[in-house]
Protein backbone atom coordinates (compact mmCIF):
# COMPACT_ATOMS: atom_id res chain seq x y z
CA MET A 1 84.92 72.30 106.61
CA PRO A 2 87.97 73.55 107.61
CA ASP A 3 88.81 75.10 110.91
CA PRO A 4 89.19 78.44 110.76
CA THR A 5 91.84 79.06 113.11
CA ALA A 6 93.84 75.73 112.13
CA GLN A 7 93.60 77.25 108.62
CA PRO A 8 96.61 78.23 106.42
CA ARG A 9 97.01 81.79 106.32
CA VAL A 10 97.09 83.21 102.69
CA ARG A 11 98.50 86.81 102.27
CA ARG A 12 96.82 88.71 99.51
CA ASN A 13 96.07 86.40 96.95
CA GLU A 14 99.41 84.61 96.94
CA TRP A 15 97.65 81.03 96.95
CA GLN A 16 100.98 79.18 96.89
CA ALA A 17 100.90 78.97 100.37
CA LEU A 18 97.96 76.49 100.02
CA ALA A 19 99.10 72.49 99.61
CA VAL A 20 96.65 70.21 98.00
CA PRO A 21 96.73 66.59 97.10
CA ALA A 22 96.82 65.49 93.44
CA THR A 23 93.49 63.85 92.25
CA GLY A 24 92.77 60.32 92.80
CA THR A 25 95.64 60.33 95.54
CA TRP A 26 93.00 61.57 98.27
CA ASP A 27 89.73 60.61 100.07
CA PRO A 28 87.00 63.37 99.85
CA THR A 29 84.63 64.37 102.86
CA LEU A 30 82.75 67.57 102.06
CA SER A 31 79.77 67.42 99.78
CA VAL A 32 79.10 69.30 96.31
CA THR A 33 76.35 71.05 94.90
CA VAL A 34 76.83 72.12 91.09
CA VAL A 35 74.03 74.35 90.11
CA VAL A 36 73.05 74.61 86.23
CA PRO A 37 71.13 77.68 85.54
CA ALA A 38 69.00 75.81 82.58
CA TYR A 39 67.31 78.24 79.80
CA THR A 40 66.13 76.09 76.78
CA ALA A 41 68.81 74.11 77.13
CA GLY A 42 67.19 70.69 75.80
CA THR A 43 69.78 69.88 73.04
CA LEU A 44 72.93 70.03 75.11
CA LEU A 45 71.77 69.10 78.85
CA PRO A 46 71.79 65.30 77.72
CA THR A 47 75.72 66.21 77.64
CA VAL A 48 76.42 68.21 80.36
CA LEU A 49 74.63 65.77 82.90
CA ALA A 50 76.55 62.75 80.83
CA GLY A 51 79.61 63.94 81.77
CA LEU A 52 78.52 64.92 85.23
CA ASP A 53 77.58 61.32 85.68
CA ALA A 54 81.36 60.37 84.59
CA GLN A 55 82.94 62.72 87.41
CA THR A 56 85.72 61.27 89.76
CA TYR A 57 84.33 62.64 92.67
CA PRO A 58 82.29 60.69 94.88
CA ALA A 59 78.57 59.99 93.91
CA HIS A 60 77.42 60.13 97.34
CA LEU A 61 78.51 63.65 97.96
CA LEU A 62 77.33 65.08 94.42
CA GLU A 63 74.51 67.07 94.29
CA VAL A 64 73.47 68.10 90.63
CA LEU A 65 70.44 71.29 90.75
CA VAL A 66 68.74 71.89 87.25
CA VAL A 67 67.35 75.27 87.52
CA ASP A 68 64.49 75.83 85.43
CA ASP A 69 64.91 79.12 83.97
CA GLY A 70 62.82 79.06 80.59
CA PRO A 71 60.65 81.47 79.52
CA VAL A 72 57.97 78.55 79.69
CA ARG A 73 58.53 77.16 83.52
CA GLY A 74 57.72 73.32 83.44
CA ASP A 75 58.68 72.45 80.32
CA LEU A 76 62.63 71.28 81.45
CA VAL A 77 62.52 67.57 81.45
CA LEU A 78 65.62 65.62 83.02
CA PRO A 79 67.42 63.39 80.71
CA GLU A 80 67.68 59.56 81.96
CA LEU A 81 71.22 59.37 81.83
CA ARG A 82 72.22 61.87 84.58
CA PRO A 83 74.01 61.68 88.15
CA GLU A 84 71.76 59.83 90.96
CA ARG A 85 71.47 62.74 92.94
CA THR A 86 69.80 64.91 90.20
CA ARG A 87 66.43 67.19 90.61
CA VAL A 88 65.05 70.47 89.16
CA VAL A 89 64.41 73.20 90.94
CA ARG A 90 62.13 75.61 89.84
CA PRO A 91 60.87 79.16 90.42
CA ASP A 92 58.32 80.19 92.84
CA ASP A 93 56.32 83.13 93.10
CA ASP A 94 56.24 82.49 96.45
CA GLY A 95 59.91 81.65 97.23
CA PRO A 96 62.92 83.64 98.87
CA VAL A 97 63.66 85.05 95.66
CA GLY A 98 60.58 86.55 95.08
CA PRO A 99 57.83 86.61 91.90
CA GLY A 100 58.78 87.47 88.16
CA GLY A 101 62.71 86.62 88.15
CA TRP A 102 64.48 85.26 85.25
CA GLY A 103 68.09 85.61 83.98
CA ARG A 104 71.52 83.45 85.62
CA ALA A 105 71.72 85.44 88.54
CA HIS A 106 68.34 84.56 89.75
CA ALA A 107 68.68 80.85 88.93
CA CYS A 108 72.03 80.69 90.60
CA HIS A 109 70.81 82.30 93.61
CA LEU A 110 67.67 80.04 93.90
CA GLY A 111 69.69 76.85 93.26
CA ALA A 112 72.22 77.57 95.88
CA LEU A 113 69.90 78.25 98.52
CA ALA A 114 68.16 74.47 97.54
CA ALA A 115 71.80 73.43 97.49
CA GLU A 116 72.15 71.01 100.50
CA GLY A 117 75.98 70.63 99.27
CA ASP A 118 79.25 72.55 101.50
CA VAL A 119 80.30 73.72 98.73
CA LEU A 120 78.66 75.29 95.18
CA HIS A 121 79.93 74.48 91.88
CA TRP A 122 78.50 76.66 89.26
CA LEU A 123 77.88 75.01 85.85
CA ASP A 124 76.42 76.32 82.75
CA ALA A 125 74.16 74.24 81.29
CA ASP A 126 77.07 74.37 77.53
CA MET A 127 79.81 73.22 79.62
CA LEU A 128 81.57 69.61 79.05
CA LEU A 129 83.78 68.88 81.96
CA GLU A 130 86.63 66.55 81.98
CA ARG A 131 86.30 63.75 84.51
CA ASP A 132 88.55 65.10 87.35
CA GLN A 133 87.27 68.52 86.90
CA VAL A 134 84.84 68.61 90.39
CA GLU A 135 87.58 67.15 92.12
CA ALA A 136 90.07 69.27 91.02
CA GLN A 137 88.49 72.05 92.50
CA LEU A 138 86.95 70.64 95.78
CA ARG A 139 90.09 69.79 96.89
CA TRP A 140 91.19 72.94 97.54
CA HIS A 141 88.33 73.51 99.69
CA HIS A 142 88.89 71.26 101.68
CA VAL A 143 91.94 72.87 102.95
CA LEU A 144 90.35 76.31 103.08
CA ASP A 145 87.22 77.48 103.34
CA HIS A 146 87.05 80.80 102.28
CA VAL A 147 88.81 79.99 98.73
CA VAL A 148 87.29 80.33 94.92
CA THR A 149 88.29 77.61 92.81
CA LEU A 150 88.52 78.89 88.75
CA GLY A 151 88.06 75.69 86.59
CA THR A 152 89.45 76.48 82.94
CA LYS A 153 87.54 76.41 79.94
CA SER A 154 87.99 76.38 75.63
CA PHE A 155 85.28 77.61 73.57
CA VAL A 156 84.56 74.75 71.27
CA ASP A 157 82.13 73.23 68.21
CA PRO A 158 79.72 71.43 69.78
CA ALA A 159 79.20 68.77 66.91
CA PRO A 160 81.51 66.08 68.14
CA ALA A 161 79.92 65.89 71.31
CA LEU A 162 76.12 66.11 70.08
CA ALA A 163 77.25 63.57 67.38
CA ARG A 164 77.73 60.89 70.43
CA THR A 165 74.98 59.18 72.51
CA PRO A 166 74.75 60.50 76.37
CA ALA A 167 76.28 57.05 76.84
CA GLU A 168 79.19 57.42 74.56
CA VAL A 169 79.65 61.03 76.40
CA ARG A 170 79.98 59.40 79.43
CA ASP A 171 82.08 56.82 78.75
CA GLY A 172 84.79 59.41 76.75
CA VAL A 173 84.44 61.41 79.70
CA ALA A 174 84.95 58.81 82.23
CA SER A 175 88.06 57.04 79.84
CA GLY A 176 89.76 60.70 79.55
CA VAL A 177 89.56 60.22 75.51
CA MET A 178 86.77 62.83 75.39
CA PRO A 179 88.95 65.81 74.69
CA SER A 180 90.94 64.05 72.02
CA TRP A 181 87.56 64.45 70.04
CA TRP A 182 88.43 68.32 69.48
CA ASP A 183 92.09 66.97 68.06
CA GLY A 184 92.78 69.13 65.08
CA LEU A 185 89.56 71.62 65.96
CA GLU A 186 89.97 74.89 66.71
CA GLN A 187 89.83 75.72 70.54
CA THR A 188 89.34 78.95 71.50
CA PRO A 189 90.92 79.77 75.15
CA HIS A 190 88.88 82.54 77.64
CA THR A 191 91.10 84.65 76.15
CA TRP A 192 90.61 87.85 78.35
CA VAL A 193 91.57 85.99 81.68
CA GLU A 194 94.14 83.69 80.35
CA GLU A 195 95.84 87.45 79.73
CA ILE A 196 95.35 88.33 82.85
CA PHE A 197 96.28 85.39 84.36
CA ALA A 198 99.49 85.44 82.16
CA ARG A 199 100.33 89.02 83.53
CA THR A 200 100.04 88.25 87.22
CA ASP A 201 101.07 84.67 87.58
CA ASP A 202 98.30 83.04 87.40
CA LEU A 203 96.75 85.55 89.92
CA ARG A 204 99.64 85.22 92.61
CA ALA A 205 101.10 88.95 91.89
CA ILE A 206 97.35 90.25 91.50
CA GLY A 207 96.97 91.49 95.61
CA TRP A 208 93.11 91.95 96.08
CA ASN A 209 91.80 92.30 92.66
CA ALA A 210 92.07 88.63 91.71
CA PHE A 211 87.54 89.50 92.16
CA ARG A 212 87.50 90.82 88.55
CA THR A 213 88.48 87.12 86.87
CA HIS A 214 85.71 85.81 88.48
CA THR A 215 83.46 83.74 85.67
CA GLY A 216 80.83 81.57 86.97
CA ALA A 217 80.42 78.89 84.31
CA VAL A 218 83.08 76.89 86.28
CA ALA A 219 83.88 78.58 89.68
CA ALA A 220 83.17 76.84 93.14
CA VAL A 221 82.70 78.51 96.64
CA SER A 222 81.65 77.51 99.86
CA ARG A 223 78.05 77.53 100.55
CA ALA A 224 78.60 79.50 104.18
CA LEU A 225 80.71 81.92 102.04
CA TYR A 226 78.36 82.41 99.33
CA LEU A 227 75.67 83.39 102.26
CA ALA A 228 78.25 85.72 104.32
CA SER A 229 78.37 87.70 101.16
CA GLY A 230 75.47 88.50 100.28
CA GLY A 231 75.30 85.98 97.11
CA MET A 232 74.27 87.17 93.37
CA ASP A 233 72.30 89.81 92.87
CA PRO A 234 68.97 88.45 91.40
CA THR A 235 68.07 91.71 89.49
CA LEU A 236 71.33 91.17 87.19
CA ARG A 237 71.20 89.95 83.88
CA LEU A 238 74.60 90.28 82.77
CA GLY A 239 77.95 90.72 84.82
CA GLU A 240 76.24 88.51 87.74
CA ASP A 241 79.68 86.89 88.19
CA ILE A 242 81.85 89.54 88.20
CA ALA A 243 79.69 91.45 91.02
CA LEU A 244 79.74 87.91 92.94
CA GLY A 245 83.73 88.21 92.73
CA GLY A 246 83.72 91.55 94.55
CA ARG A 247 81.37 90.43 97.16
CA LEU A 248 83.19 87.28 97.74
CA ALA A 249 86.40 89.81 97.34
CA GLU A 250 85.38 91.49 100.41
CA VAL A 251 84.78 88.80 102.86
CA GLY A 252 88.07 87.92 102.66
CA ALA A 253 88.23 85.40 99.09
CA VAL A 254 91.57 83.45 98.52
CA PHE A 255 90.60 83.33 94.39
CA VAL A 256 92.53 80.29 92.74
CA PRO A 257 92.36 79.19 89.22
CA ASP A 258 93.20 75.66 88.83
CA ARG A 259 94.85 74.29 85.88
CA GLU A 260 93.47 70.92 86.03
CA ALA A 261 90.00 72.09 86.68
CA ARG A 262 89.39 71.78 82.75
CA SER A 263 86.08 72.06 80.77
CA LEU A 264 84.85 72.79 77.03
CA HIS A 265 82.32 75.14 76.41
CA LEU A 266 79.93 73.79 73.72
CA GLY A 267 80.02 77.27 71.90
CA HIS A 268 80.31 80.39 71.58
CA THR A 269 78.73 82.94 73.43
CA HIS A 270 76.78 86.85 72.32
CA VAL A 271 79.65 88.07 74.86
CA MET A 272 82.65 86.74 72.40
CA SER A 273 80.56 88.12 69.31
CA ARG A 274 79.60 91.49 71.00
CA ALA A 275 81.82 92.20 73.57
CA ALA A 276 81.91 96.00 72.89
CA ARG A 277 77.96 96.18 73.66
CA VAL A 278 78.19 94.10 76.42
CA ASN A 279 81.03 96.24 78.18
CA ASP A 280 78.74 99.00 77.67
CA TYR A 281 75.81 97.48 79.23
CA ASN A 282 77.53 96.10 82.48
CA GLU A 283 79.73 99.22 83.06
CA PRO A 284 77.27 101.08 85.04
CA PHE A 285 75.64 98.18 86.72
CA LEU A 286 78.88 97.07 87.96
CA ALA A 287 80.29 100.75 88.72
CA ASP A 288 77.10 101.26 91.07
CA ARG A 289 77.57 97.37 92.70
CA VAL A 290 81.35 96.76 93.21
CA PRO A 291 82.59 99.90 94.72
CA ALA A 292 86.27 98.39 94.32
CA LEU A 293 85.78 98.71 90.68
CA HIS A 294 86.45 102.45 91.87
CA ALA A 295 88.02 103.73 88.22
CA HIS A 296 84.80 102.94 86.51
CA ARG A 297 83.25 105.41 88.55
CA ARG A 298 82.38 108.87 87.52
CA ARG A 299 83.77 111.47 89.76
CA GLY A 300 81.51 114.10 91.75
CA ARG A 301 79.06 111.19 91.19
CA SER A 302 77.10 109.21 93.59
CA TYR A 303 76.74 105.27 94.12
CA SER A 304 74.35 103.15 96.34
CA ALA A 305 77.76 101.39 98.42
CA PRO A 306 80.79 104.36 98.73
CA TYR A 307 84.04 103.63 97.88
CA LEU A 308 85.24 105.00 101.53
CA GLU A 309 83.46 105.36 104.73
CA VAL A 310 84.73 107.77 107.23
CA VAL A 311 83.89 106.97 110.49
CA LEU A 312 83.77 109.70 112.95
CA ASP A 313 82.45 109.19 117.01
CA SER A 314 80.91 113.04 117.36
CA ARG A 315 79.46 111.65 121.41
CA GLY A 316 80.77 114.23 124.15
CA GLU A 317 82.36 116.63 121.28
CA GLU A 318 80.99 120.21 120.92
CA TRP A 319 79.08 120.40 117.78
CA SER A 320 81.09 123.00 115.76
CA ALA A 321 84.41 120.97 115.73
CA VAL A 322 82.04 118.31 114.65
CA ALA A 323 81.12 119.87 111.80
CA ALA A 324 84.43 121.66 110.89
CA THR A 325 85.98 117.44 110.64
CA VAL A 326 82.64 116.32 108.74
CA ASP A 327 83.24 119.51 106.33
CA ALA A 328 86.46 118.65 105.17
CA VAL A 329 86.26 115.31 104.88
CA LEU A 330 83.24 116.06 102.36
CA ALA A 331 85.57 118.83 100.81
CA SER A 332 87.94 115.66 99.83
CA THR A 333 89.06 115.66 96.23
CA LEU A 334 87.93 112.11 96.69
CA THR A 335 84.09 112.74 96.41
CA ASP A 336 82.81 108.82 96.63
CA LEU A 337 82.77 108.80 100.25
CA GLU A 338 80.68 109.00 103.10
CA VAL A 339 80.57 109.42 106.48
CA VAL A 340 79.62 107.57 109.27
CA LEU A 341 78.64 109.91 111.70
CA VAL A 342 78.00 108.56 115.63
CA GLY A 343 75.52 110.52 117.38
CA ASP A 344 73.28 110.55 120.35
CA TRP A 345 70.48 110.90 117.68
CA ASP A 346 67.78 108.86 120.29
CA GLU A 347 68.21 111.38 122.57
CA LEU A 348 66.50 114.24 120.31
CA VAL A 349 62.77 114.27 121.02
CA GLU A 350 59.73 116.55 119.69
CA GLU A 351 57.66 117.06 123.21
CA ARG A 352 58.18 120.49 124.62
CA HIS A 353 61.87 120.61 125.48
CA ALA A 354 64.23 123.77 126.95
CA VAL A 355 65.07 123.92 122.95
CA LEU A 356 69.31 125.67 123.81
CA ASP A 357 69.49 123.64 127.01
CA ARG A 358 68.61 119.85 126.18
CA SER A 359 70.74 117.72 123.66
CA VAL A 360 71.37 121.37 121.92
CA ASP A 361 74.60 120.03 120.19
CA VAL A 362 72.84 116.57 119.04
CA ARG A 363 70.25 118.60 117.87
CA ILE A 364 72.40 120.70 115.52
CA LEU A 365 74.09 118.35 114.41
CA HIS A 366 71.12 116.20 113.39
CA GLU A 367 69.79 119.11 111.63
CA THR A 368 73.22 120.00 109.96
CA TYR A 369 73.57 116.64 108.28
CA ALA A 370 70.36 114.85 108.07
CA ALA A 371 69.49 115.31 104.62
CA ASP A 372 73.05 115.24 103.42
CA PRO A 373 72.81 111.99 101.46
CA ARG A 374 77.03 111.09 102.04
CA VAL A 375 75.95 111.12 105.70
CA ARG A 376 74.93 108.20 107.41
CA LEU A 377 73.76 108.82 111.20
CA VAL A 378 74.47 105.80 113.29
CA THR A 379 74.00 105.47 117.59
CA GLU A 380 76.79 102.83 118.02
CA VAL A 381 80.51 102.43 116.51
CA PRO A 382 80.31 99.94 113.52
CA PRO A 383 82.12 96.82 114.88
CA ALA A 384 85.57 96.28 113.58
CA GLU A 385 85.05 93.00 112.44
CA GLY A 386 81.64 93.21 111.44
CA PRO A 387 80.04 93.49 107.41
CA ARG A 388 80.89 97.23 105.73
CA ARG A 389 79.43 98.42 102.79
CA SER A 390 83.11 100.15 101.33
CA PRO A 391 86.09 98.46 100.40
CA TRP A 392 87.85 101.00 102.67
CA ARG A 393 87.19 102.58 106.20
CA MET A 394 89.13 105.38 107.80
CA THR A 395 88.25 106.14 111.08
CA LEU A 396 89.17 109.27 112.64
CA PRO A 397 90.28 109.59 116.47
CA GLY A 398 88.39 113.06 117.20
CA THR A 399 87.89 116.24 116.45
CA ALA A 400 90.97 117.91 116.03
CA TRP A 401 92.30 117.12 112.71
CA GLY A 402 90.51 117.28 109.25
CA PRO A 403 91.75 115.61 106.25
CA GLY A 404 93.39 118.12 103.79
CA ARG A 405 91.68 118.24 100.28
CA ALA A 406 94.16 115.61 98.40
CA ALA A 407 94.44 113.51 101.76
CA LEU A 408 92.22 111.12 101.52
CA GLU A 409 92.50 110.20 97.71
CA ARG A 410 96.53 110.27 98.34
CA VAL A 411 96.36 107.70 100.98
CA LEU A 412 94.04 105.39 99.32
CA LEU A 413 95.76 105.16 95.85
CA HIS A 414 98.74 104.16 97.71
CA LEU A 415 97.37 101.60 99.07
CA GLU A 416 95.72 100.14 96.53
CA HIS A 417 99.45 100.30 94.90
CA THR A 418 100.88 97.93 98.24
CA HIS A 419 98.12 95.98 98.56
CA ASP A 420 98.53 96.70 102.40
CA GLY A 421 95.52 95.94 104.46
CA LEU A 422 95.81 98.66 106.63
CA ARG A 423 97.83 102.51 107.11
CA LEU A 424 98.24 103.91 110.31
CA VAL A 425 98.29 107.82 109.83
CA HIS A 426 100.03 109.33 112.59
CA LEU A 427 98.42 113.41 113.16
CA PRO A 428 99.94 116.14 114.78
CA ASP A 429 98.57 115.68 118.00
CA GLY A 430 100.23 112.04 118.39
CA THR A 431 96.94 110.33 117.80
CA VAL A 432 96.03 107.93 114.88
CA ALA A 433 93.71 107.54 112.33
CA ARG A 434 93.16 104.29 110.91
CA VAL A 435 92.74 103.27 106.91
CA GLU A 436 91.98 99.80 106.12
CA ARG A 437 90.87 97.39 103.43
CA THR A 438 87.75 95.79 104.10
CA ALA A 439 88.72 92.47 102.30
CA ALA A 440 92.04 91.94 104.23
CA VAL A 441 90.05 92.56 107.90
CA ALA A 442 87.75 89.81 106.56
CA ARG A 443 90.30 87.41 106.21
CA ALA A 444 92.41 88.47 109.52
CA ALA A 445 88.85 87.82 111.43
CA ARG A 446 88.66 84.34 109.61
CA THR A 447 91.77 83.17 110.84
CA ARG A 448 92.42 85.12 113.75
CA ARG A 449 92.71 82.92 117.19
CA PRO A 450 91.23 84.21 120.31
CA ASP A 451 94.58 85.28 121.98
CA GLU A 452 95.49 87.95 118.76
CA PRO A 453 95.33 91.26 117.84
CA LEU A 454 93.67 92.03 114.40
CA ASP A 455 96.47 94.04 113.61
CA ALA A 456 99.04 91.61 114.04
CA VAL A 457 97.32 89.77 111.85
CA LEU A 458 96.21 91.82 109.12
CA ALA A 459 100.37 92.29 109.10
CA GLU A 460 100.41 88.63 108.15
CA VAL A 461 97.83 88.25 105.40
CA ALA A 462 97.88 91.73 103.84
CA GLY A 463 100.51 94.41 105.19
CA VAL A 464 100.24 97.04 107.74
CA GLY A 465 102.18 100.68 106.82
CA GLU A 466 102.81 104.12 108.84
CA VAL A 467 102.72 107.55 107.10
CA ALA A 468 103.10 110.73 109.17
CA ALA A 469 100.57 113.56 108.20
CA GLU A 470 101.83 116.92 108.07
CA GLU A 471 100.26 120.30 108.95
CA ARG A 472 102.60 121.86 106.49
CA GLU A 473 101.37 123.05 102.65
CA GLY A 474 102.38 120.54 100.42
CA ALA A 475 102.67 118.12 101.94
CA ARG A 476 101.74 114.50 100.68
CA VAL A 477 99.39 113.54 103.41
CA ARG A 478 98.40 117.05 104.94
CA PHE A 479 96.27 117.04 107.91
CA LEU A 480 94.99 120.65 109.25
CA PRO A 481 93.47 121.49 112.59
CA ALA A 482 89.70 121.38 111.42
CA ALA A 483 88.69 124.35 111.83
CA ASP A 484 91.17 125.77 109.71
CA ALA A 485 90.59 122.51 106.78
CA ARG A 486 86.76 123.49 106.67
CA PRO A 487 86.01 125.04 103.62
CA ARG A 488 84.52 128.37 103.87
CA LEU A 489 82.84 130.55 101.23
CA HIS A 490 84.47 132.84 99.31
CA PRO A 491 84.35 136.21 101.27
CA ARG A 492 82.35 137.94 98.50
CA PHE A 493 79.23 135.50 98.85
CA GLY A 494 76.94 137.19 101.23
CA GLY A 495 79.06 140.30 101.68
CA PRO A 496 78.03 143.70 100.74
CA ALA A 497 77.99 144.62 97.05
CA THR A 498 80.82 146.94 96.09
CA ASP A 499 81.80 148.68 92.26
CA ASP A 500 85.58 149.96 93.24
CA ASP A 501 86.83 146.09 92.91
CA GLU A 502 88.81 146.07 89.40
CA ALA A 503 88.81 142.69 89.71
CA TRP A 504 84.99 142.08 89.93
CA ARG A 505 84.63 144.34 87.07
CA ARG A 506 86.81 142.70 84.78
CA ILE A 507 84.44 139.50 85.69
CA ASP A 508 81.54 141.85 84.78
CA ARG A 509 82.60 142.86 81.49
CA ALA A 510 83.41 139.12 80.58
CA LEU A 511 79.97 138.32 81.49
CA GLY A 512 78.52 141.23 79.72
CA TYR A 513 76.93 142.08 83.33
CA ARG A 514 75.33 145.87 83.02
CA ARG A 515 74.77 147.37 86.39
């Protein structure tokens, strides 16, 4: 794979910075594993493998794994005509994916774990490739180790391919005449993907949202990047491609649609015929698993991974100042967040001790937030360049200032609009809060040389902006002294009952309440 520190730096998704050779003019060195999940694919599989046998990519670098996802395991038999290095992978109840697995995501992940290639090329068992499709995608991976390539496809009637023997298919692909078999017949483009490509200059102007077009029927990714992302979620039955795209984006991927990586989808899919129902099904799964799809999440709800994590180091701070800051964050209009509260929690012991003398601030804070699902108690500050749960991280410099109710939401909306990777929020006392885009930090960390500051690389690959927080009422980004930012109960709560307040009498009458 390319040397990470010697690779080109791609700003956002502006992949035009990458220069790749024309097909047929270069010598590949990376090995590739084509992963073909197969569910009752006996009719089309001989055609698909015949097309793979005609690829221009060197045969000694091409491995094909057909993953048996059929209802009766063991029934899948490989056709005689196939690439030389082709084998069947069958799920094993004792294997790495676990028992009882099924579905495309499960099969693809199993194939990825069994693969020997440097690059994984997903290929559905109803896809017929043009002869240089694999080569077209793999040339990008020789230039950049964190690229995800997206081939193009059209949906066609499978009859012209099925009317030919596998040998005829192989010869037709190898000679380049295969696409002409559909001349004059309907060829339906991948409409919704093509519409996004058209609006975003083939994803060059899409910023950090290219993952939404990640469809795995003809896509490729380095095996190392796939594993770093966590890979496919094998429990998903639909929507696994976009979910994987979201994970790949968070580890710094650049998404490149290659117009020369052409293929034909032999037949239409249930997604095309039942698109609305599929979208309804996918929405809750993707909303939970892809926090970057924030618009699909419901305000006030909690999800398995938050949209924003706010890191605050409480060590050495007075407990009431920490609590005021945390409460101000939790009261934000942006509810889809988590506070990562760093503290000396390992100091807490249960043996007999002086209750008000030993680690009392730590104990008060622990008891205050241990049961709060939006507060995570940790003992170390999360590493600056390590894995993250959320697409955004804000690091507060201390407990002096807390965000106004709308401050966090406004900062993130502006970051989404500008596609910047870092926003430095200058607080009224001169300290600085950092708001970082996880995908941009991961991209910068991949290409940063040892002597370079992370922020300098962030400026190059994403953009860095600054904003001044103000204390005044009506400020766009308002931060207040933490004690003032902390939400308070209405004074009536917990106070003595009175019967001389006309406002409360009106409420009593509206509720039909009688004293």
